Protein backbone atom coordinates (compact mmCIF):
# COMPACT_ATOMS: atom_id res chain seq x y z
CA MET A 1 109.04 227.18 -44.80
CA ARG A 2 107.59 223.91 -45.78
CA PHE A 3 107.80 221.34 -48.74
CA PHE A 4 107.03 218.08 -47.40
CA SER A 5 103.60 217.25 -48.87
CA ASP A 6 101.28 218.68 -50.11
CA ASN A 7 98.66 217.04 -47.47
CA ALA A 8 99.74 219.67 -45.23
CA ALA A 9 99.16 222.44 -47.60
CA ALA A 10 96.32 225.17 -46.50
CA VAL A 11 92.79 224.89 -48.05
CA CYS A 12 91.99 226.88 -51.26
CA PRO A 13 89.50 229.98 -50.82
CA GLU A 14 87.18 228.26 -53.30
CA ALA A 15 86.80 225.06 -51.33
CA MET A 16 86.37 227.41 -48.06
CA ALA A 17 84.16 228.87 -49.42
CA ALA A 18 81.71 226.34 -50.43
CA LEU A 19 82.19 224.49 -46.74
CA GLY A 20 79.83 227.99 -45.35
CA GLN A 21 77.46 227.89 -48.73
CA ALA A 22 76.86 224.10 -47.77
CA ASN A 23 76.55 224.82 -43.75
CA ARG A 24 72.42 224.79 -43.81
CA LEU A 25 69.87 222.18 -43.33
CA ASP A 26 69.65 219.83 -46.14
CA THR A 27 69.30 216.14 -46.53
CA ALA A 28 71.73 214.00 -44.97
CA TYR A 29 74.25 210.82 -46.36
CA ASP A 30 74.71 211.23 -50.12
CA GLY A 31 70.64 212.67 -50.54
CA ASP A 32 71.65 216.66 -50.85
CA ALA A 33 71.77 219.20 -53.81
CA TRP A 34 75.44 219.12 -53.84
CA SER A 35 76.35 215.44 -53.58
CA ALA A 36 73.43 215.42 -56.57
CA ARG A 37 75.35 217.00 -58.71
CA LEU A 38 78.56 215.48 -59.07
CA ASP A 39 77.33 212.49 -61.61
CA ASP A 40 76.49 215.77 -64.09
CA ALA A 41 79.94 217.58 -63.53
CA PHE A 42 82.22 214.95 -63.81
CA SER A 43 80.15 213.52 -66.88
CA ASP A 44 80.57 217.15 -68.36
CA LEU A 45 84.05 216.90 -67.22
CA PHE A 46 84.77 213.70 -68.53
CA GLU A 47 82.94 213.77 -71.79
CA ARG A 48 80.58 210.40 -70.94
CA ARG A 49 78.62 209.60 -68.54
CA ILE A 50 79.93 208.37 -65.53
CA ARG A 51 79.49 207.80 -61.55
CA ALA A 52 80.84 209.86 -59.02
CA LEU A 53 81.50 209.36 -55.32
CA TRP A 54 82.52 211.27 -52.70
CA VAL A 55 85.05 209.71 -50.15
CA ALA A 56 87.18 211.27 -47.19
CA THR A 57 90.65 209.72 -48.03
CA GLY A 58 92.20 208.86 -51.23
CA THR A 59 92.88 205.29 -49.72
CA ALA A 60 89.26 204.93 -48.73
CA ALA A 61 88.98 206.01 -52.85
CA ASN A 62 91.66 203.59 -54.18
CA SER A 63 90.62 200.89 -52.10
CA LEU A 64 86.56 201.21 -53.00
CA ALA A 65 88.05 201.02 -56.38
CA LEU A 66 89.95 197.96 -56.13
CA ALA A 67 87.19 196.47 -54.57
CA ALA A 68 85.14 196.96 -57.07
CA LEU A 69 87.95 195.61 -59.89
CA CYS A 70 89.19 192.46 -57.96
CA PRO A 71 87.58 189.45 -55.94
CA ALA A 72 89.00 188.33 -52.32
CA HIS A 73 90.38 185.78 -54.08
CA GLY A 74 92.05 187.26 -57.00
CA SER A 75 95.27 189.80 -57.33
CA ILE A 76 95.56 192.84 -58.05
CA VAL A 77 99.37 193.92 -59.88
CA CYS A 78 100.60 197.02 -59.42
CA HIS A 79 104.21 199.30 -59.41
CA ARG A 80 106.40 197.85 -56.24
CA ASP A 81 106.90 201.67 -54.89
CA ALA A 82 102.93 202.21 -55.25
CA HIS A 83 100.69 203.85 -52.87
CA ILE A 84 99.11 201.08 -52.65
CA GLN A 85 101.34 198.79 -51.63
CA ASN A 86 103.34 201.14 -49.16
CA ASP A 87 101.31 203.63 -47.55
CA GLU A 88 98.32 202.34 -47.30
CA CYS A 89 98.69 199.79 -44.02
CA GLY A 90 97.03 197.07 -46.20
CA ALA A 91 93.74 198.72 -47.18
CA PRO A 92 93.29 197.63 -50.31
CA GLU A 93 93.26 193.84 -49.05
CA PHE A 94 91.34 194.69 -46.24
CA TYR A 95 89.02 195.87 -48.45
CA THR A 96 88.83 193.44 -51.21
CA HIS A 97 88.78 190.92 -47.94
CA GLY A 98 91.98 189.69 -48.89
CA ALA A 99 93.15 189.90 -52.52
CA LYS A 100 96.73 189.84 -53.29
CA LEU A 101 99.01 192.15 -54.41
CA LEU A 102 101.71 191.25 -57.50
CA LEU A 103 104.36 194.12 -57.40
CA GLY A 104 106.08 195.07 -60.93
CA GLU A 105 109.22 196.94 -61.62
CA GLY A 106 109.94 199.60 -63.36
CA GLU A 107 111.80 203.58 -63.17
CA GLY A 108 110.10 206.26 -61.43
CA ALA A 109 107.09 203.81 -60.46
CA LYS A 110 106.30 203.92 -63.76
CA LEU A 111 104.72 200.34 -65.51
CA THR A 112 104.96 199.04 -69.23
CA PRO A 113 103.12 196.68 -70.88
CA GLU A 114 106.28 194.51 -70.22
CA THR A 115 106.87 194.71 -66.96
CA VAL A 116 103.50 194.24 -66.50
CA GLU A 117 103.91 191.02 -68.69
CA ALA A 118 106.44 190.30 -66.63
CA VAL A 119 104.41 190.19 -63.57
CA LEU A 120 101.82 187.77 -64.86
CA ALA A 121 103.65 185.52 -66.46
CA THR A 122 104.92 184.41 -62.81
CA VAL A 123 101.31 182.80 -62.23
CA ARG A 124 100.56 179.81 -63.25
CA ASN A 125 96.31 179.32 -64.35
CA ASP A 126 94.96 177.16 -61.87
CA VAL A 127 93.52 177.03 -58.82
CA HIS A 128 96.75 176.49 -57.22
CA GLN A 129 97.79 180.35 -57.50
CA VAL A 130 96.10 183.65 -56.92
CA GLN A 131 94.97 184.64 -60.69
CA PRO A 132 95.39 188.28 -61.62
CA HIS A 133 92.10 190.55 -62.14
CA ALA A 134 92.98 194.02 -62.16
CA LEU A 135 95.93 196.30 -63.03
CA SER A 136 96.46 200.12 -60.86
CA ILE A 137 98.80 202.46 -62.08
CA THR A 138 99.42 205.95 -60.15
CA ASN A 139 99.43 209.40 -62.41
CA ALA A 140 101.33 211.31 -61.71
CA THR A 141 103.46 208.49 -59.95
CA GLU A 142 105.26 208.20 -56.50
CA TYR A 143 108.55 209.74 -57.92
CA GLY A 144 106.20 212.24 -59.75
CA LEU A 145 106.49 210.99 -63.21
CA VAL A 146 103.95 211.33 -65.88
CA TYR A 147 101.89 208.52 -67.60
CA THR A 148 100.90 210.11 -71.18
CA PRO A 149 97.77 208.80 -72.84
CA GLU A 150 99.52 206.66 -75.11
CA GLU A 151 101.35 205.10 -72.51
CA VAL A 152 98.02 204.24 -70.56
CA ALA A 153 96.49 203.11 -74.06
CA ALA A 154 99.08 201.08 -74.33
CA LEU A 155 98.68 199.14 -70.66
CA GLY A 156 94.41 199.90 -71.63
CA ARG A 157 94.94 196.92 -74.46
CA LEU A 158 96.96 194.73 -72.64
CA CYS A 159 94.23 195.21 -69.84
CA LYS A 160 91.52 194.07 -72.57
CA ALA A 161 93.13 191.55 -73.75
CA ARG A 162 93.72 189.79 -70.51
CA GLY A 163 90.41 190.83 -69.03
CA LEU A 164 91.53 192.63 -66.21
CA GLY A 165 89.76 195.55 -64.69
CA PHE A 166 91.97 199.12 -65.18
CA HIS A 167 92.36 201.36 -61.91
CA MET A 168 94.04 204.48 -61.90
CA ASP A 169 95.45 206.17 -58.40
CA GLY A 170 94.71 209.63 -59.36
CA ALA A 171 95.97 211.06 -55.83
CA ARG A 172 97.76 213.53 -58.31
CA PHE A 173 95.68 213.46 -61.35
CA ALA A 174 95.10 217.00 -61.47
CA ASN A 175 99.05 217.88 -61.68
CA ALA A 176 99.15 215.11 -64.30
CA VAL A 177 96.50 216.88 -66.78
CA ALA A 178 98.22 220.08 -66.10
CA ARG A 179 101.66 218.88 -67.38
CA LEU A 180 100.10 217.19 -70.39
CA GLY A 181 97.59 219.79 -71.43
CA CYS A 182 95.72 216.54 -72.72
CA ALA A 183 91.64 216.32 -72.64
CA PRO A 184 90.78 214.53 -69.05
CA ALA A 185 88.70 211.73 -70.96
CA ASP A 186 92.48 210.77 -73.28
CA LEU A 187 93.75 209.83 -69.89
CA THR A 188 91.28 207.88 -68.53
CA TRP A 189 88.48 206.06 -70.12
CA ARG A 190 89.08 206.78 -73.44
CA ALA A 191 92.49 205.00 -72.70
CA GLY A 192 91.45 201.94 -70.96
CA ILE A 193 90.53 203.00 -67.45
CA ASP A 194 87.35 201.33 -65.58
CA ALA A 195 87.95 203.89 -62.18
CA LEU A 196 89.75 206.90 -61.17
CA SER A 197 90.30 208.03 -57.27
CA PHE A 198 90.28 211.74 -58.48
CA GLY A 199 92.48 213.32 -55.50
CA PHE A 200 90.89 216.88 -54.49
CA VAL A 201 92.83 217.32 -51.26
CA LYS A 202 96.26 217.27 -52.28
CA ASN A 203 95.18 220.49 -54.83
CA GLY A 204 93.93 222.21 -52.25
CA GLY A 205 90.60 220.38 -51.20
CA MET A 206 90.09 219.98 -47.30
CA SER A 207 88.87 216.43 -46.44
CA ALA A 208 86.97 215.19 -50.01
CA GLU A 209 88.03 212.76 -52.82
CA ALA A 210 86.03 211.23 -56.21
CA LEU A 211 85.83 207.88 -57.11
CA ILE A 212 85.30 208.01 -60.66
CA PHE A 213 83.59 204.57 -62.09
CA PHE A 214 83.44 204.91 -65.73
CA ASP A 215 80.89 201.89 -66.04
CA PRO A 216 78.60 203.39 -64.07
CA ASP A 217 77.50 199.23 -63.08
CA LEU A 218 80.39 199.08 -60.89
CA ALA A 219 79.35 201.92 -58.32
CA ALA A 220 76.17 199.79 -57.58
CA ALA A 221 78.13 197.68 -54.90
CA THR A 222 80.44 200.40 -53.83
CA LEU A 223 77.39 201.91 -52.68
CA TYR A 224 77.07 199.56 -49.53
CA ARG A 225 81.01 198.84 -49.36
CA ARG A 226 81.04 202.94 -49.15
CA LYS A 227 78.35 202.46 -46.31
CA ARG A 228 79.82 199.12 -44.56
CA ALA A 229 83.60 200.55 -44.38
CA GLY A 230 82.56 203.89 -42.47
CA HIS A 231 82.17 206.23 -45.51
CA LEU A 232 79.07 207.04 -45.82
CA LEU A 233 79.36 210.72 -43.80
CA SER A 234 76.35 211.79 -43.20
CA LYS A 235 76.86 215.16 -43.93
CA GLY A 236 78.22 214.33 -47.20
CA ARG A 237 76.82 217.82 -48.65
CA TYR A 238 80.23 219.08 -47.23
CA LEU A 239 82.61 216.94 -49.59
CA ALA A 240 80.46 217.15 -52.39
CA ALA A 241 80.76 221.46 -52.17
CA GLN A 242 84.28 221.29 -51.77
CA ILE A 243 84.46 219.09 -55.41
CA LEU A 244 82.39 221.31 -56.89
CA ALA A 245 84.02 224.06 -56.07
CA MET A 246 87.12 223.24 -57.10
CA LEU A 247 85.30 221.84 -59.85
CA GLU A 248 83.89 224.87 -61.18
CA ASP A 249 86.05 228.13 -63.61
CA GLY A 250 88.86 225.36 -63.59
CA VAL A 251 90.76 225.75 -59.75
CA TRP A 252 91.42 222.35 -60.03
CA MET A 253 93.69 223.38 -63.06
CA LYS A 254 94.44 226.60 -61.76
CA ASN A 255 95.83 225.34 -58.40
CA ALA A 256 98.02 222.38 -59.81
CA ARG A 257 99.61 224.71 -62.58
CA ALA A 258 100.45 226.59 -59.49
CA ALA A 259 102.04 224.10 -57.98
CA ASN A 260 104.14 222.56 -61.10
CA ASP A 261 105.08 225.88 -61.95
CA ALA A 262 106.86 226.16 -58.79
CA ALA A 263 108.28 222.46 -58.72
CA ALA A 264 109.80 223.93 -61.93
CA ARG A 265 111.70 226.67 -60.24
CA LEU A 266 112.95 223.96 -57.85
CA ALA A 267 113.84 221.94 -60.37
CA ALA A 268 115.68 224.15 -62.96
CA ALA A 269 117.70 225.51 -59.46
CA ALA A 270 118.58 221.62 -58.63
CA GLY A 271 120.40 220.86 -62.44
CA GLY A 272 122.62 217.68 -62.24
CA ARG A 273 121.30 216.92 -58.90
CA LEU A 274 117.80 215.67 -60.13
CA VAL A 275 117.09 212.01 -59.56
CA LEU A 276 114.39 211.80 -62.28
CA PRO A 277 112.69 214.70 -64.20
CA VAL A 278 110.12 216.82 -62.82
CA GLU A 279 107.02 215.98 -64.12
CA ALA A 280 104.57 217.34 -61.96
CA ASN A 281 104.50 219.10 -58.20
CA GLU A 282 107.45 216.46 -56.73
CA VAL A 283 111.57 217.48 -57.24
CA PHE A 284 113.50 214.28 -55.77
CA LEU A 285 117.27 215.35 -55.71
CA LYS A 286 120.64 213.92 -54.55
CA ALA A 287 121.58 215.74 -50.90
CA SER A 288 123.93 214.44 -48.90
CA PRO A 289 123.54 213.98 -45.02
CA PRO A 290 125.40 217.70 -44.51
CA GLU A 291 123.91 218.82 -47.69
CA ALA A 292 119.77 218.35 -46.20
CA ALA A 293 121.11 219.20 -42.62
CA ALA A 294 122.04 222.70 -44.31
CA LEU A 295 119.12 222.61 -46.08
CA ARG A 296 117.44 222.63 -42.89
CA ALA A 297 118.53 224.57 -41.01
CA LYS A 298 117.96 228.12 -43.17
CA GLY A 299 114.33 226.45 -42.73
CA PHE A 300 113.44 224.41 -45.30
CA ASP A 301 111.49 221.11 -44.21
CA PHE A 302 111.26 218.30 -46.38
CA TYR A 303 111.44 214.31 -46.59
CA ASP A 304 114.92 212.02 -46.82
CA TRP A 305 113.86 209.71 -49.74
CA GLY A 306 116.86 207.21 -49.73
CA PRO A 307 120.26 206.75 -49.01
CA GLY A 308 121.47 210.82 -49.70
CA GLU A 309 118.24 211.70 -51.39
CA ALA A 310 115.54 214.54 -50.78
CA ARG A 311 111.94 214.93 -51.38
CA LEU A 312 110.56 218.36 -52.21
CA VAL A 313 106.44 219.24 -53.06
CA THR A 314 105.03 221.73 -54.18
CA SER A 315 101.45 222.65 -53.58
CA TRP A 316 98.59 225.14 -54.83
CA ASN A 317 99.78 228.08 -52.49
CA SER A 318 103.75 227.81 -52.24
CA GLU A 319 104.91 230.67 -51.31
CA PRO A 320 106.31 232.48 -54.32
CA ALA A 321 109.21 233.61 -51.77
CA HIS A 322 109.47 230.19 -49.94
CA VAL A 323 110.44 229.00 -53.30
CA GLU A 324 112.98 231.64 -54.78
CA ALA A 325 114.81 230.93 -51.67
CA LEU A 326 115.06 227.36 -51.39
CA ALA A 327 116.01 227.50 -55.37
CA GLU A 328 118.67 229.56 -54.35
CA ALA A 329 119.55 227.70 -51.15
CA ILE A 330 120.22 224.57 -53.99
CA ARG A 331 121.96 226.68 -56.08
CA SER A 332 124.41 227.20 -53.30
CA LEU A 333 124.52 223.68 -52.24
């Protein structure tokens, strides 16, 4: 009974069916009928004209977005626990050709205008120090907390005042929107976001993520960067088809709600063991090494997350029986 990552979840049937429908002769790279529909589909979703590019991984989406917002001689402010800092093997630095990451603090991996200003205050405005060019936040965060539209907008105002580009790592963007019940536009461009890495793999896709530019001009150079980075897949229609299938009929929202609901059931069982509130599909709870071993002995797998803590992640197709069994096992600790 697997709760260690939503990356390990099965592909949802709508995405799998789309792969079959795309399995025919068409134009190569991004000239196919499916890729041609992405801009319109996402423009409808976000209520404004945007530019959407498919890529195969979240790391590529994040790194290409940051390369569009930050020059090689610049820096990017992010949280100390951000995925781009801890889990992407230096890819943002690689794709930007050397931009530096400046690390901020905040509970649950969330940044505020105050914590960002504290980072910016450490940089002198002279040629001897790397100057900030962009801010990157993750929604939902690496600890499963959700930025509200108001919180994003406060950071967006800071970015505008400081002349910073604003990127959102949305590997679990669907879970954040499902939690808030807001319009995707309210959480992104209306709040000042310039570029969004829109995750689909964790939400039921096989190998497709969307890189959304709310300023279409930012996409121009990224088309070349994507090719140079080896992410212009020759049969890109398979990526585009997955994304379109999950956007249609609200599949992306249905899947995210299912994952969030499963996490909420685990959170209710955890009670006082919760390290942080559960706002998306990740549950962080206190569990001593013997308690973690007891859970594993009952057939559950998950990540240990720091001393005496465990991370449980639910997915779009978490088995209700497995969720209930884990909830009961937590209650019995």
